PDB file of all heavy atoms in Angstrom:
ATOM      1  N   SER A   1      59.110 -26.469 -39.142  1.00  0.00           N
ATOM      2  CA  SER A   1      58.914 -25.090 -38.548  1.00  0.00           C
ATOM      3  C   SER A   1      57.584 -24.891 -37.839  1.00  0.00           C
ATOM      4  O   SER A   1      57.407 -23.863 -37.193  1.00  0.00           O
ATOM      5  CB  SER A   1      59.094 -23.996 -39.634  1.00  0.00           C
ATOM      6  OG  SER A   1      57.971 -24.012 -40.457  1.00  0.00           O
ATOM      7  N   GLN A   2      56.711 -25.856 -37.955  1.00  0.00           N
ATOM      8  CA  GLN A   2      55.401 -25.763 -37.367  1.00  0.00           C
ATOM      9  C   GLN A   2      55.456 -25.769 -35.889  1.00  0.00           C
ATOM     10  O   GLN A   2      56.257 -26.529 -35.243  1.00  0.00           O
ATOM     11  CB  GLN A   2      54.449 -26.871 -37.856  1.00  0.00           C
ATOM     12  CG  GLN A   2      54.135 -26.709 -39.358  1.00  0.00           C
ATOM     13  CD  GLN A   2      53.706 -25.342 -39.702  1.00  0.00           C
ATOM     14  OE1 GLN A   2      52.654 -24.854 -39.304  1.00  0.00           O
ATOM     15  NE2 GLN A   2      54.526 -24.555 -40.333  1.00  0.00           N
ATOM     16  N   PRO A   3      54.659 -24.983 -35.168  1.00  0.00           N
ATOM     17  CA  PRO A   3      54.494 -24.948 -33.793  1.00  0.00           C
ATOM     18  C   PRO A   3      54.379 -26.377 -33.174  1.00  0.00           C
ATOM     19  O   PRO A   3      53.544 -27.127 -33.720  1.00  0.00           O
ATOM     20  CB  PRO A   3      53.363 -24.032 -33.451  1.00  0.00           C
ATOM     21  CG  PRO A   3      53.202 -23.238 -34.665  1.00  0.00           C
ATOM     22  CD  PRO A   3      53.652 -24.082 -35.786  1.00  0.00           C
ATOM     23  N   GLY A   4      55.147 -26.709 -32.185  1.00  0.00           N
ATOM     24  CA  GLY A   4      55.044 -27.995 -31.612  1.00  0.00           C
ATOM     25  C   GLY A   4      55.881 -29.063 -32.334  1.00  0.00           C
ATOM     26  O   GLY A   4      56.218 -30.080 -31.691  1.00  0.00           O
ATOM     27  N   ASN A   5      56.220 -28.845 -33.551  1.00  0.00           N
ATOM     28  CA  ASN A   5      57.080 -29.693 -34.360  1.00  0.00           C
ATOM     29  C   ASN A   5      56.700 -31.165 -34.062  1.00  0.00           C
ATOM     30  O   ASN A   5      57.578 -31.985 -33.677  1.00  0.00           O
ATOM     31  CB  ASN A   5      58.520 -29.429 -33.912  1.00  0.00           C
ATOM     32  CG  ASN A   5      59.514 -29.961 -34.946  1.00  0.00           C
ATOM     33  OD1 ASN A   5      59.138 -30.609 -35.899  1.00  0.00           O
ATOM     34  ND2 ASN A   5      60.784 -29.669 -34.693  1.00  0.00           N
ATOM     35  N   ASP A   6      55.441 -31.559 -34.274  1.00  0.00           N
ATOM     36  CA  ASP A   6      54.876 -32.863 -34.003  1.00  0.00           C
ATOM     37  C   ASP A   6      55.628 -33.877 -34.927  1.00  0.00           C
ATOM     38  O   ASP A   6      55.292 -33.946 -36.152  1.00  0.00           O
ATOM     39  CB  ASP A   6      53.418 -32.873 -34.268  1.00  0.00           C
ATOM     40  CG  ASP A   6      52.805 -34.274 -33.963  1.00  0.00           C
ATOM     41  OD1 ASP A   6      53.360 -34.976 -33.115  1.00  0.00           O
ATOM     42  OD2 ASP A   6      51.756 -34.633 -34.605  1.00  0.00           O
ATOM     43  N   VAL A   7      56.521 -34.719 -34.387  1.00  0.00           N
ATOM     44  CA  VAL A   7      57.322 -35.626 -35.152  1.00  0.00           C
ATOM     45  C   VAL A   7      56.440 -36.675 -35.921  1.00  0.00           C
ATOM     46  O   VAL A   7      56.720 -36.977 -37.069  1.00  0.00           O
ATOM     47  CB  VAL A   7      58.303 -36.371 -34.185  1.00  0.00           C
ATOM     48  CG1 VAL A   7      59.040 -37.467 -34.923  1.00  0.00           C
ATOM     49  CG2 VAL A   7      59.217 -35.406 -33.501  1.00  0.00           C
ATOM     50  N   MET A   8      55.384 -37.183 -35.229  1.00  0.00           N
ATOM     51  CA  MET A   8      54.496 -38.202 -35.877  1.00  0.00           C
ATOM     52  C   MET A   8      53.740 -37.539 -37.147  1.00  0.00           C
ATOM     53  O   MET A   8      53.638 -38.226 -38.173  1.00  0.00           O
ATOM     54  CB  MET A   8      53.534 -38.767 -34.976  1.00  0.00           C
ATOM     55  CG  MET A   8      52.800 -40.013 -35.529  1.00  0.00           C
ATOM     56  SD  MET A   8      53.919 -41.286 -36.115  1.00  0.00           S
ATOM     57  CE  MET A   8      54.612 -41.985 -34.692  1.00  0.00           C
ATOM     58  N   SER A   9      53.354 -36.213 -37.034  1.00  0.00           N
ATOM     59  CA  SER A   9      52.628 -35.732 -38.198  1.00  0.00           C
ATOM     60  C   SER A   9      53.665 -35.437 -39.324  1.00  0.00           C
ATOM     61  O   SER A   9      53.314 -35.652 -40.480  1.00  0.00           O
ATOM     62  CB  SER A   9      52.114 -34.316 -37.731  1.00  0.00           C
ATOM     63  OG  SER A   9      51.082 -34.412 -36.773  1.00  0.00           O
ATOM     64  N   ILE A  10      54.907 -35.162 -39.045  1.00  0.00           N
ATOM     65  CA  ILE A  10      55.883 -34.977 -40.011  1.00  0.00           C
ATOM     66  C   ILE A  10      56.150 -36.366 -40.664  1.00  0.00           C
ATOM     67  O   ILE A  10      56.216 -36.390 -41.955  1.00  0.00           O
ATOM     68  CB  ILE A  10      57.165 -34.401 -39.405  1.00  0.00           C
ATOM     69  CG1 ILE A  10      56.938 -33.019 -38.975  1.00  0.00           C
ATOM     70  CG2 ILE A  10      58.310 -34.448 -40.520  1.00  0.00           C
ATOM     71  CD1 ILE A  10      58.061 -32.410 -38.161  1.00  0.00           C
ATOM     72  N   LYS A  11      56.309 -37.384 -39.909  1.00  0.00           N
ATOM     73  CA  LYS A  11      56.498 -38.661 -40.477  1.00  0.00           C
ATOM     74  C   LYS A  11      55.422 -39.147 -41.368  1.00  0.00           C
ATOM     75  O   LYS A  11      55.620 -39.656 -42.460  1.00  0.00           O
ATOM     76  CB  LYS A  11      56.789 -39.673 -39.302  1.00  0.00           C
ATOM     77  CG  LYS A  11      58.085 -39.592 -38.626  1.00  0.00           C
ATOM     78  CD  LYS A  11      58.202 -40.551 -37.513  1.00  0.00           C
ATOM     79  CE  LYS A  11      59.552 -40.476 -36.791  1.00  0.00           C
ATOM     80  NZ  LYS A  11      59.722 -41.423 -35.762  1.00  0.00           N
ATOM     81  N   LEU A  12      54.182 -38.892 -40.935  1.00  0.00           N
ATOM     82  CA  LEU A  12      53.030 -39.335 -41.679  1.00  0.00           C
ATOM     83  C   LEU A  12      52.898 -38.557 -43.005  1.00  0.00           C
ATOM     84  O   LEU A  12      52.652 -39.176 -44.093  1.00  0.00           O
ATOM     85  CB  LEU A  12      51.706 -39.201 -40.915  1.00  0.00           C
ATOM     86  CG  LEU A  12      51.564 -40.201 -39.808  1.00  0.00           C
ATOM     87  CD1 LEU A  12      50.453 -39.853 -38.892  1.00  0.00           C
ATOM     88  CD2 LEU A  12      51.323 -41.579 -40.380  1.00  0.00           C
ATOM     89  N   LYS A  13      53.169 -37.260 -42.990  1.00  0.00           N
ATOM     90  CA  LYS A  13      53.016 -36.448 -44.199  1.00  0.00           C
ATOM     91  C   LYS A  13      54.092 -36.820 -45.176  1.00  0.00           C
ATOM     92  O   LYS A  13      53.973 -36.904 -46.397  1.00  0.00           O
ATOM     93  CB  LYS A  13      53.200 -35.025 -43.839  1.00  0.00           C
ATOM     94  CG  LYS A  13      52.728 -34.075 -44.992  1.00  0.00           C
ATOM     95  CD  LYS A  13      51.367 -34.313 -45.344  1.00  0.00           C
ATOM     96  CE  LYS A  13      50.793 -33.270 -46.291  1.00  0.00           C
ATOM     97  NZ  LYS A  13      49.390 -33.554 -46.668  1.00  0.00           N
ATOM     98  N   ALA A  14      55.339 -37.080 -44.691  1.00  0.00           N
ATOM     99  CA  ALA A  14      56.592 -37.566 -45.507  1.00  0.00           C
ATOM    100  C   ALA A  14      56.127 -38.817 -46.199  1.00  0.00           C
ATOM    101  O   ALA A  14      56.378 -39.030 -47.380  1.00  0.00           O
ATOM    102  CB  ALA A  14      57.796 -37.589 -44.697  1.00  0.00           C
ATOM    103  N   LEU A  15      55.600 -39.802 -45.405  1.00  0.00           N
ATOM    104  CA  LEU A  15      55.208 -41.064 -45.980  1.00  0.00           C
ATOM    105  C   LEU A  15      54.058 -40.907 -47.032  1.00  0.00           C
ATOM    106  O   LEU A  15      54.141 -41.473 -48.083  1.00  0.00           O
ATOM    107  CB  LEU A  15      54.803 -41.999 -44.857  1.00  0.00           C
ATOM    108  CG  LEU A  15      54.414 -43.414 -45.216  1.00  0.00           C
ATOM    109  CD1 LEU A  15      55.598 -44.118 -45.882  1.00  0.00           C
ATOM    110  CD2 LEU A  15      53.969 -44.172 -43.976  1.00  0.00           C
ATOM    111  N   GLU A  16      53.119 -40.032 -46.707  1.00  0.00           N
ATOM    112  CA  GLU A  16      52.001 -39.823 -47.611  1.00  0.00           C
ATOM    113  C   GLU A  16      52.526 -39.319 -49.005  1.00  0.00           C
ATOM    114  O   GLU A  16      52.228 -39.744 -50.042  1.00  0.00           O
ATOM    115  CB  GLU A  16      51.011 -38.769 -47.050  1.00  0.00           C
ATOM    116  CG  GLU A  16      49.960 -38.334 -47.955  1.00  0.00           C
ATOM    117  CD  GLU A  16      49.210 -37.055 -47.421  1.00  0.00           C
ATOM    118  OE1 GLU A  16      49.252 -36.803 -46.149  1.00  0.00           O
ATOM    119  OE2 GLU A  16      48.531 -36.474 -48.334  1.00  0.00           O
ATOM    120  N   PHE A  17      53.432 -38.271 -48.903  1.00  0.00           N
ATOM    121  CA  PHE A  17      53.977 -37.709 -50.119  1.00  0.00           C
ATOM    122  C   PHE A  17      54.753 -38.730 -50.959  1.00  0.00           C
ATOM    123  O   PHE A  17      54.756 -38.765 -52.160  1.00  0.00           O
ATOM    124  CB  PHE A  17      54.831 -36.499 -49.783  1.00  0.00           C
ATOM    125  CG  PHE A  17      54.080 -35.148 -49.654  1.00  0.00           C
ATOM    126  CD1 PHE A  17      52.674 -35.230 -49.400  1.00  0.00           C
ATOM    127  CD2 PHE A  17      54.604 -33.963 -49.959  1.00  0.00           C
ATOM    128  CE1 PHE A  17      51.901 -34.087 -49.299  1.00  0.00           C
ATOM    129  CE2 PHE A  17      53.865 -32.847 -49.883  1.00  0.00           C
ATOM    130  CZ  PHE A  17      52.532 -32.810 -49.529  1.00  0.00           C
ATOM    131  N   VAL A  18      55.596 -39.550 -50.243  1.00  0.00           N
ATOM    132  CA  VAL A  18      56.438 -40.451 -50.973  1.00  0.00           C
ATOM    133  C   VAL A  18      55.553 -41.520 -51.626  1.00  0.00           C
ATOM    134  O   VAL A  18      55.716 -41.827 -52.869  1.00  0.00           O
ATOM    135  CB  VAL A  18      57.405 -41.202 -50.014  1.00  0.00           C
ATOM    136  CG1 VAL A  18      58.035 -42.373 -50.653  1.00  0.00           C
ATOM    137  CG2 VAL A  18      58.513 -40.187 -49.570  1.00  0.00           C
ATOM    138  N   LEU A  19      54.425 -41.981 -50.936  1.00  0.00           N
ATOM    139  CA  LEU A  19      53.639 -43.026 -51.577  1.00  0.00           C
ATOM    140  C   LEU A  19      52.839 -42.345 -52.768  1.00  0.00           C
ATOM    141  O   LEU A  19      52.666 -42.997 -53.761  1.00  0.00           O
ATOM    142  CB  LEU A  19      52.616 -43.626 -50.546  1.00  0.00           C
ATOM    143  CG  LEU A  19      53.268 -44.392 -49.444  1.00  0.00           C
ATOM    144  CD1 LEU A  19      52.238 -44.700 -48.421  1.00  0.00           C
ATOM    145  CD2 LEU A  19      53.883 -45.597 -50.050  1.00  0.00           C
ATOM    146  N   MET A  20      52.468 -41.088 -52.579  1.00  0.00           N
ATOM    147  CA  MET A  20      51.742 -40.403 -53.685  1.00  0.00           C
ATOM    148  C   MET A  20      52.726 -40.212 -54.871  1.00  0.00           C
ATOM    149  O   MET A  20      52.295 -40.439 -56.069  1.00  0.00           O
ATOM    150  CB  MET A  20      51.203 -39.090 -53.186  1.00  0.00           C
ATOM    151  CG  MET A  20      50.178 -38.418 -54.089  1.00  0.00           C
ATOM    152  SD  MET A  20      49.164 -37.113 -53.490  1.00  0.00           S
ATOM    153  CE  MET A  20      50.110 -36.489 -52.125  1.00  0.00           C
ATOM    154  N   ALA A  21      53.856 -39.852 -54.645  1.00  0.00           N
ATOM    155  CA  ALA A  21      54.894 -39.625 -55.676  1.00  0.00           C
ATOM    156  C   ALA A  21      55.169 -40.917 -56.447  1.00  0.00           C
ATOM    157  O   ALA A  21      55.275 -40.984 -57.675  1.00  0.00           O
ATOM    158  CB  ALA A  21      56.140 -39.088 -55.093  1.00  0.00           C
ATOM    159  N   GLU A  22      55.341 -42.021 -55.719  1.00  0.00           N
ATOM    160  CA  GLU A  22      55.593 -43.316 -56.332  1.00  0.00           C
ATOM    161  C   GLU A  22      54.401 -43.715 -57.132  1.00  0.00           C
ATOM    162  O   GLU A  22      54.533 -44.424 -58.218  1.00  0.00           O
ATOM    163  CB  GLU A  22      56.046 -44.320 -55.349  1.00  0.00           C
ATOM    164  CG  GLU A  22      57.409 -43.963 -54.852  1.00  0.00           C
ATOM    165  CD  GLU A  22      57.983 -45.092 -53.825  1.00  0.00           C
ATOM    166  OE1 GLU A  22      57.137 -45.949 -53.536  1.00  0.00           O
ATOM    167  OE2 GLU A  22      59.107 -44.986 -53.437  1.00  0.00           O
ATOM    168  N   SER A  23      53.194 -43.515 -56.631  1.00  0.00           N
ATOM    169  CA  SER A  23      51.988 -43.854 -57.342  1.00  0.00           C
ATOM    170  C   SER A  23      51.920 -43.086 -58.673  1.00  0.00           C
ATOM    171  O   SER A  23      51.617 -43.710 -59.785  1.00  0.00           O
ATOM    172  CB  SER A  23      50.708 -43.567 -56.510  1.00  0.00           C
ATOM    173  OG  SER A  23      49.570 -43.833 -57.252  1.00  0.00           O
ATOM    174  N   ILE A  24      52.213 -41.876 -58.606  1.00  0.00           N
ATOM    175  CA  ILE A  24      52.253 -41.061 -59.905  1.00  0.00           C
ATOM    176  C   ILE A  24      53.287 -41.608 -60.850  1.00  0.00           C
ATOM    177  O   ILE A  24      53.051 -41.715 -61.983  1.00  0.00           O
ATOM    178  CB  ILE A  24      52.535 -39.531 -59.479  1.00  0.00           C
ATOM    179  CG1 ILE A  24      51.371 -38.991 -58.847  1.00  0.00           C
ATOM    180  CG2 ILE A  24      52.886 -38.790 -60.828  1.00  0.00           C
ATOM    181  CD1 ILE A  24      51.658 -37.562 -58.227  1.00  0.00           C
ATOM    182  N   MET A  25      54.480 -41.951 -60.339  1.00  0.00           N
ATOM    183  CA  MET A  25      55.543 -42.492 -61.058  1.00  0.00           C
ATOM    184  C   MET A  25      55.103 -43.801 -61.809  1.00  0.00           C
ATOM    185  O   MET A  25      55.312 -44.023 -63.001  1.00  0.00           O
ATOM    186  CB  MET A  25      56.765 -42.755 -60.335  1.00  0.00           C
ATOM    187  CG  MET A  25      57.909 -43.420 -61.081  1.00  0.00           C
ATOM    188  SD  MET A  25      59.089 -44.172 -59.993  1.00  0.00           S
ATOM    189  CE  MET A  25      58.219 -45.554 -59.319  1.00  0.00           C
ATOM    190  N   TYR A  26      54.532 -44.732 -60.961  1.00  0.00           N
ATOM    191  CA  TYR A  26      54.059 -45.961 -61.564  1.00  0.00           C
ATOM    192  C   TYR A  26      53.024 -45.788 -62.633  1.00  0.00           C
ATOM    193  O   TYR A  26      52.995 -46.454 -63.709  1.00  0.00           O
ATOM    194  CB  TYR A  26      53.529 -46.905 -60.482  1.00  0.00           C
ATOM    195  CG  TYR A  26      54.597 -47.542 -59.658  1.00  0.00           C
ATOM    196  CD1 TYR A  26      54.580 -47.383 -58.227  1.00  0.00           C
ATOM    197  CD2 TYR A  26      55.724 -48.276 -60.203  1.00  0.00           C
ATOM    198  CE1 TYR A  26      55.624 -47.934 -57.470  1.00  0.00           C
ATOM    199  CE2 TYR A  26      56.639 -48.816 -59.423  1.00  0.00           C
ATOM    200  CZ  TYR A  26      56.586 -48.657 -58.052  1.00  0.00           C
ATOM    201  OH  TYR A  26      57.622 -49.260 -57.277  1.00  0.00           O
ATOM    202  N   ARG A  27      52.110 -44.885 -62.404  1.00  0.00           N
ATOM    203  CA  ARG A  27      51.008 -44.628 -63.339  1.00  0.00           C
ATOM    204  C   ARG A  27      51.512 -43.957 -64.643  1.00  0.00           C
ATOM    205  O   ARG A  27      50.732 -44.007 -65.645  1.00  0.00           O
ATOM    206  CB  ARG A  27      49.865 -43.849 -62.674  1.00  0.00           C
ATOM    207  CG  ARG A  27      49.102 -44.670 -61.612  1.00  0.00           C
ATOM    208  CD  ARG A  27      48.178 -43.706 -60.880  1.00  0.00           C
ATOM    209  NE  ARG A  27      47.671 -44.414 -59.656  1.00  0.00           N
ATOM    210  CZ  ARG A  27      46.556 -45.026 -59.675  1.00  0.00           C
ATOM    211  NH1 ARG A  27      45.868 -45.277 -60.745  1.00  0.00           N
ATOM    212  NH2 ARG A  27      46.123 -45.643 -58.567  1.00  0.00           N
ATOM    213  N   SER A  28      52.581 -43.371 -64.648  1.00  0.00           N
ATOM    214  CA  SER A  28      53.120 -42.638 -65.766  1.00  0.00           C
ATOM    215  C   SER A  28      53.615 -43.687 -66.842  1.00  0.00           C
ATOM    216  O   SER A  28      53.784 -43.334 -67.958  1.00  0.00           O
ATOM    217  CB  SER A  28      54.295 -41.754 -65.484  1.00  0.00           C
ATOM    218  OG  SER A  28      55.470 -42.415 -65.155  1.00  0.00           O
ATOM    219  N   GLY A  29      53.760 -44.994 -66.424  1.00  0.00           N
ATOM    220  CA  GLY A  29      54.263 -46.018 -67.301  1.00  0.00           C
ATOM    221  C   GLY A  29      55.781 -46.206 -67.309  1.00  0.00           C
ATOM    222  O   GLY A  29      56.590 -45.354 -66.872  1.00  0.00           O
ATOM    223  N   GLY A  30      56.124 -47.350 -67.789  1.00  0.00           N
ATOM    224  CA  GLY A  30      57.593 -47.657 -67.933  1.00  0.00           C
ATOM    225  C   GLY A  30      58.146 -48.331 -66.713  1.00  0.00           C
ATOM    226  O   GLY A  30      59.299 -48.840 -66.696  1.00  0.00           O
TER     227      GLY A  30
END
């Protein structure tokens, strides 16, 4: 919904969040 709807910024943020989420998951153990 952001003005300009910058596709690359969306892609980078999605990738950042996925990597962060997986890092949290791995660090939680198991």
